Amino acid sequence: MSRCRYPFLVLLSWLFSAACRDSPPSAADTPPAPPPAAATTTAATPAPTPQAGVRGCGLPPVTTPGGGCTRDEPLFLGEVDEAVRQLQRQRPDIFEASYVLSPPQFYLGVIANLEGKGFCAAFDGEELQIKDSQSYSEQYHLITSGQYLRWGEVTYRATCRPATFPTLQPPLGQRGDCRLPSSRSIACARETPRYLGQVQAAIEQLRRERPDLFRGDYVLDSDAYYAGLVRILKGTLACAIFDGEEIALKNDNNVSEQYHVQFSWGQIRNDSYAYRASCYPATF
């Protein structure tokens, strides 16, 4: 896929491991038990949602390369662990014990909790980044390759001086083919698809409307096929585009989904494997 795949190739290991998570983790992948949490009677509160496309805590972007990263004594370890615990209380639906069901939503939630306490936080595609000044930032690896939580000092990876994020990025312009503002995603993963039924219905509708585009289950004109699906899907969703390889869909900028609706040999692909990934925030 196109945009969904670009900054987050590291998440392919998550997608691959998710297919095998019914197997017991190896000793190397078994996370240490979390330290005991203090008892509390506070009711769970909804997790804050960072505004799509907005990162950091008001400090300007980094415009020059940092001087380097080394292992040191972590300063933000306690705050990072507490942000994870807070998210477990806020979003129990994305956890099964210490297993993380949705790594993208996990990182978005941890970032929001840290920003709510005045820190700058981001996800670089592999590790959490945190800082409270431009002098230095720290890196934390919070999830194993098997999507299990890690806790304590093993999560700390390095301290970078000066801070290494956020880097300066050009602003996103308004797309002409989507009425919602443009958005950049920070992570993508396979989850339960939201729009698969609508994609399948759009394919069947197009087959009824344009039988000339098909011979059995094979597409005779790929350009007209994708254009027809985008037209139909725009009738039910806020935005639908063909990115050159996949159909990308979103109803808001919190999340988008990617669909690969045609095999390379021309056959229609409309089963559950047509769904490729969900991206947070939306990837276009």
C-alpha atoms as a PDB file:
ATOM      1  CA  MET A   1       0.000   0.000   0.000  1.00  0.00           C
ATOM      2  CA  SER A   2       1.126   3.561  -0.451  1.00  0.00           C
ATOM      3  CA  ARG A   3       0.919   6.156   2.306  1.00  0.00           C
ATOM      4  CA  CYS A   4      -0.091   3.705   4.990  1.00  0.00           C
ATOM      5  CA  ARG A   5       3.095   1.796   4.426  1.00  0.00           C
ATOM      6  CA  TYR A   6       5.625   4.605   4.083  1.00  0.00           C
ATOM      7  CA  PRO A   7       6.707   5.621   7.623  1.00  0.00           C
ATOM      8  CA  PHE A   8       5.731   2.473   9.384  1.00  0.00           C
ATOM      9  CA  LEU A   9       7.474  -0.506   7.852  1.00  0.00           C
ATOM     10  CA  VAL A  10       8.548  -1.407  11.372  1.00  0.00           C
ATOM     11  CA  LEU A  11       4.941  -2.318  12.089  1.00  0.00           C
ATOM     12  CA  LEU A  12       5.074  -5.190   9.616  1.00  0.00           C
ATOM     13  CA  SER A  13       6.550  -7.282  12.405  1.00  0.00           C
ATOM     14  CA  TRP A  14       3.455  -6.493  14.488  1.00  0.00           C
ATOM     15  CA  LEU A  15       1.153  -7.554  11.671  1.00  0.00           C
ATOM     16  CA  PHE A  16       3.108 -10.786  11.148  1.00  0.00           C
ATOM     17  CA  SER A  17       3.247 -11.609  14.828  1.00  0.00           C
ATOM     18  CA  ALA A  18      -0.473 -10.943  15.340  1.00  0.00           C
ATOM     19  CA  ALA A  19      -1.299 -13.866  13.044  1.00  0.00           C
ATOM     20  CA  CYS A  20       0.626 -16.169  15.385  1.00  0.00           C
ATOM     21  CA  ARG A  21      -0.261 -14.777  18.773  1.00  0.00           C
ATOM     22  CA  ASP A  22      -2.180 -17.877  19.804  1.00  0.00           C
ATOM     23  CA  SER A  23       1.223 -19.542  20.214  1.00  0.00           C
ATOM     24  CA  PRO A  24       2.880 -19.035  23.610  1.00  0.00           C
ATOM     25  CA  PRO A  25       5.621 -16.386  23.543  1.00  0.00           C
ATOM     26  CA  SER A  26       9.215 -17.498  23.803  1.00  0.00           C
ATOM     27  CA  ALA A  27      11.219 -16.728  26.910  1.00  0.00           C
ATOM     28  CA  ALA A  28      12.986 -13.909  25.018  1.00  0.00           C
ATOM     29  CA  ASP A  29       9.663 -12.289  24.157  1.00  0.00           C
ATOM     30  CA  THR A  30       7.991 -12.805  27.514  1.00  0.00           C
ATOM     31  CA  PRO A  31       7.772  -9.373  29.148  1.00  0.00           C
ATOM     32  CA  PRO A  32       8.680  -8.875  32.779  1.00  0.00           C
ATOM     33  CA  ALA A  33       5.738  -8.617  35.117  1.00  0.00           C
ATOM     34  CA  PRO A  34       4.685  -5.002  35.689  1.00  0.00           C
ATOM     35  CA  PRO A  35       5.492  -3.504  39.059  1.00  0.00           C
ATOM     36  CA  PRO A  36       2.540  -3.480  41.450  1.00  0.00           C
ATOM     37  CA  ALA A  37       0.217  -0.538  40.991  1.00  0.00           C
ATOM     38  CA  ALA A  38      -1.099   1.470  43.895  1.00  0.00           C
ATOM     39  CA  ALA A  39      -4.709   0.665  44.775  1.00  0.00           C
ATOM     40  CA  THR A  40      -7.215   3.232  43.603  1.00  0.00           C
ATOM     41  CA  THR A  41     -10.954   3.706  43.587  1.00  0.00           C
ATOM     42  CA  THR A  42     -10.930   6.391  40.914  1.00  0.00           C
ATOM     43  CA  ALA A  43     -13.443   5.682  38.146  1.00  0.00           C
ATOM     44  CA  ALA A  44     -12.057   5.102  34.674  1.00  0.00           C
ATOM     45  CA  THR A  45     -12.065   8.195  32.487  1.00  0.00           C
ATOM     46  CA  PRO A  46     -11.998   8.377  28.691  1.00  0.00           C
ATOM     47  CA  ALA A  47      -8.548   8.628  27.135  1.00  0.00           C
ATOM     48  CA  PRO A  48      -7.753  12.063  25.723  1.00  0.00           C
ATOM     49  CA  THR A  49      -7.583  12.126  21.938  1.00  0.00           C
ATOM     50  CA  PRO A  50      -4.752  14.180  20.426  1.00  0.00           C
ATOM     51  CA  GLN A  51      -5.891  16.422  17.612  1.00  0.00           C
ATOM     52  CA  ALA A  52      -5.109  14.697  14.313  1.00  0.00           C
ATOM     53  CA  GLY A  53      -1.839  15.958  12.859  1.00  0.00           C
ATOM     54  CA  VAL A  54      -0.769  17.882  15.991  1.00  0.00           C
ATOM     55  CA  ARG A  55       2.327  16.737  17.895  1.00  0.00           C
ATOM     56  CA  GLY A  56       4.495  18.178  20.661  1.00  0.00           C
ATOM     57  CA  CYS A  57       3.821  20.566  23.528  1.00  0.00           C
ATOM     58  CA  GLY A  58       4.446  23.954  21.992  1.00  0.00           C
ATOM     59  CA  LEU A  59       8.201  23.730  21.519  1.00  0.00           C
ATOM     60  CA  PRO A  60       9.384  24.505  17.986  1.00  0.00           C
ATOM     61  CA  PRO A  61      10.389  21.674  15.626  1.00  0.00           C
ATOM     62  CA  VAL A  62      13.986  20.505  15.510  1.00  0.00           C
ATOM     63  CA  THR A  63      15.665  21.933  12.411  1.00  0.00           C
ATOM     64  CA  THR A  64      19.260  20.694  12.871  1.00  0.00           C
ATOM     65  CA  PRO A  65      20.544  17.147  13.527  1.00  0.00           C
ATOM     66  CA  GLY A  66      21.109  16.216  17.156  1.00  0.00           C
ATOM     67  CA  GLY A  67      24.566  15.653  18.578  1.00  0.00           C
ATOM     68  CA  GLY A  68      23.921  11.943  19.174  1.00  0.00           C
ATOM     69  CA  CYS A  69      22.132   9.515  21.483  1.00  0.00           C
ATOM     70  CA  THR A  70      23.670   7.555  24.361  1.00  0.00           C
ATOM     71  CA  ARG A  71      22.386   5.446  27.248  1.00  0.00           C
ATOM     72  CA  ASP A  72      22.217   7.424  30.479  1.00  0.00           C
ATOM     73  CA  GLU A  73      20.116   7.517  33.637  1.00  0.00           C
ATOM     74  CA  PRO A  74      16.495   7.908  32.430  1.00  0.00           C
ATOM     75  CA  LEU A  75      14.699  10.949  33.784  1.00  0.00           C
ATOM     76  CA  PHE A  76      11.178  10.263  32.478  1.00  0.00           C
ATOM     77  CA  LEU A  77      10.850   6.536  33.212  1.00  0.00           C
ATOM     78  CA  GLY A  78       8.281   6.980  35.992  1.00  0.00           C
ATOM     79  CA  GLU A  79       6.151   9.313  33.897  1.00  0.00           C
ATOM     80  CA  VAL A  80       6.206   6.926  30.937  1.00  0.00           C
ATOM     81  CA  ASP A  81       5.205   3.910  33.066  1.00  0.00           C
ATOM     82  CA  GLU A  82       2.381   5.899  34.642  1.00  0.00           C
ATOM     83  CA  ALA A  83       1.128   7.063  31.219  1.00  0.00           C
ATOM     84  CA  VAL A  84       0.861   3.389  30.197  1.00  0.00           C
ATOM     85  CA  ARG A  85      -0.968   2.464  33.423  1.00  0.00           C
ATOM     86  CA  GLN A  86      -3.328   5.389  32.891  1.00  0.00           C
ATOM     87  CA  LEU A  87      -4.099   4.169  29.377  1.00  0.00           C
ATOM     88  CA  GLN A  88      -4.851   0.665  30.680  1.00  0.00           C
ATOM     89  CA  ARG A  89      -7.510   2.214  32.913  1.00  0.00           C
ATOM     90  CA  GLN A  90      -8.846   4.439  30.126  1.00  0.00           C
ATOM     91  CA  ARG A  91      -8.826   1.937  27.243  1.00  0.00           C
ATOM     92  CA  PRO A  92      -9.164  -1.643  28.521  1.00  0.00           C
ATOM     93  CA  ASP A  93     -10.583  -2.526  25.086  1.00  0.00           C
ATOM     94  CA  ILE A  94      -7.131  -2.344  23.451  1.00  0.00           C
ATOM     95  CA  PHE A  95      -5.487  -4.742  25.944  1.00  0.00           C
ATOM     96  CA  GLU A  96      -5.717  -8.438  26.753  1.00  0.00           C
ATOM     97  CA  ALA A  97      -3.739  -8.545  30.014  1.00  0.00           C
ATOM     98  CA  SER A  98      -0.247  -7.483  28.852  1.00  0.00           C
ATOM     99  CA  TYR A  99      -1.004  -8.042  25.147  1.00  0.00           C
ATOM    100  CA  VAL A 100      -1.588  -4.887  23.080  1.00  0.00           C
ATOM    101  CA  LEU A 101      -4.398  -5.378  20.581  1.00  0.00           C
ATOM    102  CA  SER A 102      -3.841  -2.084  18.756  1.00  0.00           C
ATOM    103  CA  PRO A 103      -0.266  -0.717  18.843  1.00  0.00           C
ATOM    104  CA  PRO A 104      -1.259   2.479  16.947  1.00  0.00           C
ATOM    105  CA  GLN A 105      -4.025   3.321  19.427  1.00  0.00           C
ATOM    106  CA  PHE A 106      -1.693   2.399  22.288  1.00  0.00           C
ATOM    107  CA  TYR A 107       0.950   4.916  21.212  1.00  0.00           C
ATOM    108  CA  LEU A 108      -1.620   7.623  20.491  1.00  0.00           C
ATOM    109  CA  GLY A 109      -3.073   7.148  23.979  1.00  0.00           C
ATOM    110  CA  VAL A 110       0.308   7.205  25.743  1.00  0.00           C
ATOM    111  CA  ILE A 111       1.273  10.332  23.789  1.00  0.00           C
ATOM    112  CA  ALA A 112      -1.984  12.040  24.754  1.00  0.00           C
ATOM    113  CA  ASN A 113      -1.490  11.185  28.442  1.00  0.00           C
ATOM    114  CA  LEU A 114       2.075  12.537  28.442  1.00  0.00           C
ATOM    115  CA  GLU A 115       1.047  15.695  26.602  1.00  0.00           C
ATOM    116  CA  GLY A 116      -1.735  16.144  29.135  1.00  0.00           C
ATOM    117  CA  LYS A 117       0.997  16.415  31.794  1.00  0.00           C
ATOM    118  CA  GLY A 118       2.970  19.021  29.870  1.00  0.00           C
ATOM    119  CA  PHE A 119       5.497  16.809  28.077  1.00  0.00           C
ATOM    120  CA  CYS A 120       6.248  16.663  24.391  1.00  0.00           C
ATOM    121  CA  ALA A 121       5.798  13.108  23.119  1.00  0.00           C
ATOM    122  CA  ALA A 122       5.844  11.384  19.743  1.00  0.00           C
ATOM    123  CA  PHE A 123       6.226   7.978  18.089  1.00  0.00           C
ATOM    124  CA  ASP A 124       9.026   7.548  15.532  1.00  0.00           C
ATOM    125  CA  GLY A 125       7.697   4.317  14.036  1.00  0.00           C
ATOM    126  CA  GLU A 126       9.471   2.129  16.595  1.00  0.00           C
ATOM    127  CA  GLU A 127       9.965   3.966  19.889  1.00  0.00           C
ATOM    128  CA  LEU A 128       8.240   6.539  22.057  1.00  0.00           C
ATOM    129  CA  GLN A 129      10.002   9.912  22.261  1.00  0.00           C
ATOM    130  CA  ILE A 130       9.603  12.302  25.200  1.00  0.00           C
ATOM    131  CA  LYS A 131      11.073  15.667  26.233  1.00  0.00           C
ATOM    132  CA  ASP A 132      10.267  18.775  28.239  1.00  0.00           C
ATOM    133  CA  SER A 133      12.916  21.050  26.705  1.00  0.00           C
ATOM    134  CA  GLN A 134      15.024  21.304  23.576  1.00  0.00           C
ATOM    135  CA  SER A 135      18.186  20.300  25.503  1.00  0.00           C
ATOM    136  CA  TYR A 136      17.547  16.546  25.372  1.00  0.00           C
ATOM    137  CA  SER A 137      14.941  13.874  24.656  1.00  0.00           C
ATOM    138  CA  GLU A 138      14.582  10.222  25.658  1.00  0.00           C
ATOM    139  CA  GLN A 139      13.610   7.085  23.701  1.00  0.00           C
ATOM    140  CA  TYR A 140      11.464   4.225  25.074  1.00  0.00           C
ATOM    141  CA  HIS A 141      10.639   0.846  23.508  1.00  0.00           C
ATOM    142  CA  LEU A 142       7.320  -0.067  25.110  1.00  0.00           C
ATOM    143  CA  ILE A 143       6.111  -3.142  23.178  1.00  0.00           C
ATOM    144  CA  THR A 144       7.919  -6.356  22.233  1.00  0.00           C
ATOM    145  CA  SER A 145       7.884  -7.718  18.676  1.00  0.00           C
ATOM    146  CA  GLY A 146       5.100 -10.032  19.866  1.00  0.00           C
ATOM    147  CA  GLN A 147       2.986  -7.008  20.943  1.00  0.00           C
ATOM    148  CA  TYR A 148       3.437  -7.538  24.690  1.00  0.00           C
ATOM    149  CA  LEU A 149       3.965  -4.642  27.092  1.00  0.00           C
ATOM    150  CA  ARG A 150       7.403  -3.983  28.523  1.00  0.00           C
ATOM    151  CA  TRP A 151       7.902  -2.224  31.859  1.00  0.00           C
ATOM    152  CA  GLY A 152      10.582  -0.480  33.852  1.00  0.00           C
ATOM    153  CA  GLU A 153      14.195   0.204  32.960  1.00  0.00           C
ATOM    154  CA  VAL A 154      14.270  -2.267  30.053  1.00  0.00           C
ATOM    155  CA  THR A 155      11.993   0.114  28.129  1.00  0.00           C
ATOM    156  CA  TYR A 156      14.524   2.965  28.232  1.00  0.00           C
ATOM    157  CA  ARG A 157      16.738   3.024  25.130  1.00  0.00           C
ATOM    158  CA  ALA A 158      18.682   6.277  24.937  1.00  0.00           C
ATOM    159  CA  THR A 159      19.008   9.973  25.729  1.00  0.00           C
ATOM    160  CA  CYS A 160      19.573  12.309  22.770  1.00  0.00           C
ATOM    161  CA  ARG A 161      21.274  15.701  23.087  1.00  0.00           C
ATOM    162  CA  PRO A 162      19.901  18.034  21.879  1.00  0.00           C
ATOM    163  CA  ALA A 163      16.316  16.815  21.501  1.00  0.00           C
ATOM    164  CA  THR A 164      15.619  15.000  18.246  1.00  0.00           C
ATOM    165  CA  PHE A 165      11.910  15.716  17.676  1.00  0.00           C
ATOM    166  CA  PRO A 166       9.595  16.890  16.307  1.00  0.00           C
ATOM    167  CA  THR A 167      11.349  17.431  12.990  1.00  0.00           C
ATOM    168  CA  LEU A 168      10.192  20.196  10.694  1.00  0.00           C
ATOM    169  CA  GLN A 169       7.650  18.946   8.147  1.00  0.00           C
ATOM    170  CA  PRO A 170       5.960  20.842   5.335  1.00  0.00           C
ATOM    171  CA  PRO A 171       2.311  21.675   5.986  1.00  0.00           C
ATOM    172  CA  LEU A 172      -0.304  19.436   4.393  1.00  0.00           C
ATOM    173  CA  GLY A 173      -2.467  21.096   1.793  1.00  0.00           C
ATOM    174  CA  GLN A 174      -6.171  20.491   1.285  1.00  0.00           C
ATOM    175  CA  ARG A 175      -6.819  17.618  -1.096  1.00  0.00           C
ATOM    176  CA  GLY A 176      -9.128  18.282  -3.991  1.00  0.00           C
ATOM    177  CA  ASP A 177     -10.635  14.790  -3.791  1.00  0.00           C
ATOM    178  CA  CYS A 178     -11.532  14.777  -0.062  1.00  0.00           C
ATOM    179  CA  ARG A 179     -13.670  17.253   1.841  1.00  0.00           C
ATOM    180  CA  LEU A 180     -11.887  16.601   5.156  1.00  0.00           C
ATOM    181  CA  PRO A 181      -8.565  18.311   5.968  1.00  0.00           C
ATOM    182  CA  SER A 182      -5.452  16.324   5.126  1.00  0.00           C
ATOM    183  CA  SER A 183      -3.845  14.237   7.877  1.00  0.00           C
ATOM    184  CA  ARG A 184      -0.601  12.361   8.628  1.00  0.00           C
ATOM    185  CA  SER A 185      -0.675   8.988  10.366  1.00  0.00           C
ATOM    186  CA  ILE A 186       1.863   7.901  12.970  1.00  0.00           C
ATOM    187  CA  ALA A 187       1.197   4.136  12.901  1.00  0.00           C
ATOM    188  CA  CYS A 188      -0.767   1.479  11.017  1.00  0.00           C
ATOM    189  CA  ALA A 189      -1.768  -2.094  11.907  1.00  0.00           C
ATOM    190  CA  ARG A 190      -4.280  -4.774  10.987  1.00  0.00           C
ATOM    191  CA  GLU A 191      -7.361  -4.662  13.197  1.00  0.00           C
ATOM    192  CA  THR A 192     -11.055  -5.473  12.868  1.00  0.00           C
ATOM    193  CA  PRO A 193     -12.079  -3.534   9.731  1.00  0.00           C
ATOM    194  CA  ARG A 194     -14.796  -0.898   9.968  1.00  0.00           C
ATOM    195  CA  TYR A 195     -15.630  -0.457   6.291  1.00  0.00           C
ATOM    196  CA  LEU A 196     -15.215  -3.939   4.775  1.00  0.00           C
ATOM    197  CA  GLY A 197     -18.974  -4.394   4.362  1.00  0.00           C
ATOM    198  CA  GLN A 198     -19.259  -1.088   2.510  1.00  0.00           C
ATOM    199  CA  VAL A 199     -16.369  -2.021   0.219  1.00  0.00           C
ATOM    200  CA  GLN A 200     -17.969  -5.378  -0.603  1.00  0.00           C
ATOM    201  CA  ALA A 201     -21.339  -3.696  -1.242  1.00  0.00           C
ATOM    202  CA  ALA A 202     -19.678  -1.124  -3.531  1.00  0.00           C
ATOM    203  CA  ILE A 203     -18.076  -3.891  -5.618  1.00  0.00           C
ATOM    204  CA  GLU A 204     -21.420  -5.655  -6.035  1.00  0.00           C
ATOM    205  CA  GLN A 205     -23.162  -2.384  -6.931  1.00  0.00           C
ATOM    206  CA  LEU A 206     -20.534  -1.600  -9.559  1.00  0.00           C
ATOM    207  CA  ARG A 207     -20.910  -5.069 -11.060  1.00  0.00           C
ATOM    208  CA  ARG A 208     -24.649  -4.440 -11.468  1.00  0.00           C
ATOM    209  CA  GLU A 209     -24.169  -0.927 -12.875  1.00  0.00           C
ATOM    210  CA  ARG A 210     -21.222  -1.704 -15.194  1.00  0.00           C
ATOM    211  CA  PRO A 211     -21.286  -5.347 -16.282  1.00  0.00           C
ATOM    212  CA  ASP A 212     -19.101  -4.314 -19.242  1.00  0.00           C
ATOM    213  CA  LEU A 213     -16.166  -3.842 -16.824  1.00  0.00           C
ATOM    214  CA  PHE A 214     -16.124  -7.522 -15.820  1.00  0.00           C
ATOM    215  CA  ARG A 215     -15.768 -11.005 -17.205  1.00  0.00           C
ATOM    216  CA  GLY A 216     -16.894 -13.237 -14.401  1.00  0.00           C
ATOM    217  CA  ASP A 217     -14.704 -12.349 -11.405  1.00  0.00           C
ATOM    218  CA  TYR A 218     -12.093 -10.594 -13.538  1.00  0.00           C
ATOM    219  CA  VAL A 219     -11.762  -6.836 -14.094  1.00  0.00           C
ATOM    220  CA  LEU A 220     -11.381  -5.758 -17.717  1.00  0.00           C
ATOM    221  CA  ASP A 221     -10.648  -2.066 -17.070  1.00  0.00           C
ATOM    222  CA  SER A 222      -8.805  -1.399 -13.789  1.00  0.00           C
ATOM    223  CA  ASP A 223      -8.931   2.390 -14.078  1.00  0.00           C
ATOM    224  CA  ALA A 224     -12.707   2.407 -14.525  1.00  0.00           C
ATOM    225  CA  TYR A 225     -13.049  -0.201 -11.743  1.00  0.00           C
ATOM    226  CA  TYR A 226     -11.210   1.919  -9.173  1.00  0.00           C
ATOM    227  CA  ALA A 227     -12.933   5.120 -10.311  1.00  0.00           C
ATOM    228  CA  GLY A 228     -16.336   3.457 -10.002  1.00  0.00           C
ATOM    229  CA  LEU A 229     -15.634   2.148  -6.505  1.00  0.00           C
ATOM    230  CA  VAL A 230     -14.389   5.543  -5.331  1.00  0.00           C
ATOM    231  CA  ARG A 231     -17.544   7.191  -6.714  1.00  0.00           C
ATOM    232  CA  ILE A 232     -19.837   4.738  -4.922  1.00  0.00           C
ATOM    233  CA  LEU A 233     -17.924   4.831  -1.625  1.00  0.00           C
ATOM    234  CA  LYS A 234     -17.996   8.627  -1.576  1.00  0.00           C
ATOM    235  CA  GLY A 235     -21.761   8.309  -1.310  1.00  0.00           C
ATOM    236  CA  THR A 236     -21.497   6.673   2.113  1.00  0.00           C
ATOM    237  CA  LEU A 237     -18.142   7.860   3.532  1.00  0.00           C
ATOM    238  CA  ALA A 238     -16.592  11.292   3.962  1.00  0.00           C
ATOM    239  CA  CYS A 239     -13.533  10.482   1.832  1.00  0.00           C
ATOM    240  CA  ALA A 240     -12.563   7.705  -0.581  1.00  0.00           C
ATOM    241  CA  ILE A 241      -9.505   7.811  -2.831  1.00  0.00           C
ATOM    242  CA  PHE A 242      -7.433   5.458  -4.958  1.00  0.00           C
ATOM    243  CA  ASP A 243      -3.787   6.008  -3.982  1.00  0.00           C
ATOM    244  CA  GLY A 244      -2.323   4.200  -6.965  1.00  0.00           C
ATOM    245  CA  GLU A 245      -2.405   0.787  -5.327  1.00  0.00           C
ATOM    246  CA  GLU A 246      -5.190   0.659  -2.766  1.00  0.00           C
ATOM    247  CA  ILE A 247      -8.514   2.237  -1.882  1.00  0.00           C
ATOM    248  CA  ALA A 248      -8.115   4.510   1.171  1.00  0.00           C
ATOM    249  CA  LEU A 249     -11.199   5.404   3.233  1.00  0.00           C
ATOM    250  CA  LYS A 250     -12.008   7.647   6.175  1.00  0.00           C
ATOM    251  CA  ASN A 251     -15.032   9.222   7.848  1.00  0.00           C
ATOM    252  CA  ASP A 252     -12.932  11.483  10.088  1.00  0.00           C
ATOM    253  CA  ASN A 253      -9.259  12.134  10.696  1.00  0.00           C
ATOM    254  CA  ASN A 254      -8.935   9.857  13.718  1.00  0.00           C
ATOM    255  CA  VAL A 255      -8.452   6.748  11.565  1.00  0.00           C
ATOM    256  CA  SER A 256      -8.366   5.622   7.938  1.00  0.00           C
ATOM    257  CA  GLU A 257      -8.404   2.164   6.327  1.00  0.00           C
ATOM    258  CA  GLN A 258      -6.656   0.651   3.309  1.00  0.00           C
ATOM    259  CA  TYR A 259      -8.180  -1.915   0.910  1.00  0.00           C
ATOM    260  CA  HIS A 260      -6.512  -3.908  -1.869  1.00  0.00           C
ATOM    261  CA  VAL A 261      -9.516  -4.819  -4.030  1.00  0.00           C
ATOM    262  CA  GLN A 262      -7.871  -6.418  -7.066  1.00  0.00           C
ATOM    263  CA  PHE A 263      -5.295  -9.177  -7.440  1.00  0.00           C
ATOM    264  CA  SER A 264      -2.280  -8.515  -9.653  1.00  0.00           C
ATOM    265  CA  TRP A 265      -3.704 -10.908 -12.266  1.00  0.00           C
ATOM    266  CA  GLY A 266      -6.965  -8.918 -12.485  1.00  0.00           C
ATOM    267  CA  GLN A 267      -9.349 -10.908 -10.312  1.00  0.00           C
ATOM    268  CA  ILE A 268     -11.672  -9.095  -7.901  1.00  0.00           C
ATOM    269  CA  ARG A 269     -10.553  -9.229  -4.279  1.00  0.00           C
ATOM    270  CA  ASN A 270     -13.478  -8.650  -1.931  1.00  0.00           C
ATOM    271  CA  ASP A 271     -12.989 -11.004   1.034  1.00  0.00           C
ATOM    272  CA  SER A 272     -11.565 -10.132   4.460  1.00  0.00           C
ATOM    273  CA  TYR A 273      -8.041 -10.137   3.019  1.00  0.00           C
ATOM    274  CA  ALA A 274      -8.923  -7.140   0.873  1.00  0.00           C
ATOM    275  CA  TYR A 275      -8.598  -5.150   4.095  1.00  0.00           C
ATOM    276  CA  ARG A 276      -4.938  -4.266   4.663  1.00  0.00           C
ATOM    277  CA  ALA A 277      -4.574  -1.912   7.642  1.00  0.00           C
ATOM    278  CA  SER A 278      -5.983   0.822   9.859  1.00  0.00           C
ATOM    279  CA  CYS A 279      -3.896   3.988  10.257  1.00  0.00           C
ATOM    280  CA  TYR A 280      -3.973   6.426  13.199  1.00  0.00           C
ATOM    281  CA  PRO A 281      -4.569   9.324  12.696  1.00  0.00           C
ATOM    282  CA  ALA A 282      -5.879   9.101   9.125  1.00  0.00           C
ATOM    283  CA  THR A 283      -3.105   8.701   6.569  1.00  0.00           C
ATOM    284  CA  PHE A 284      -4.409  11.115   3.906  1.00  0.00           C
END
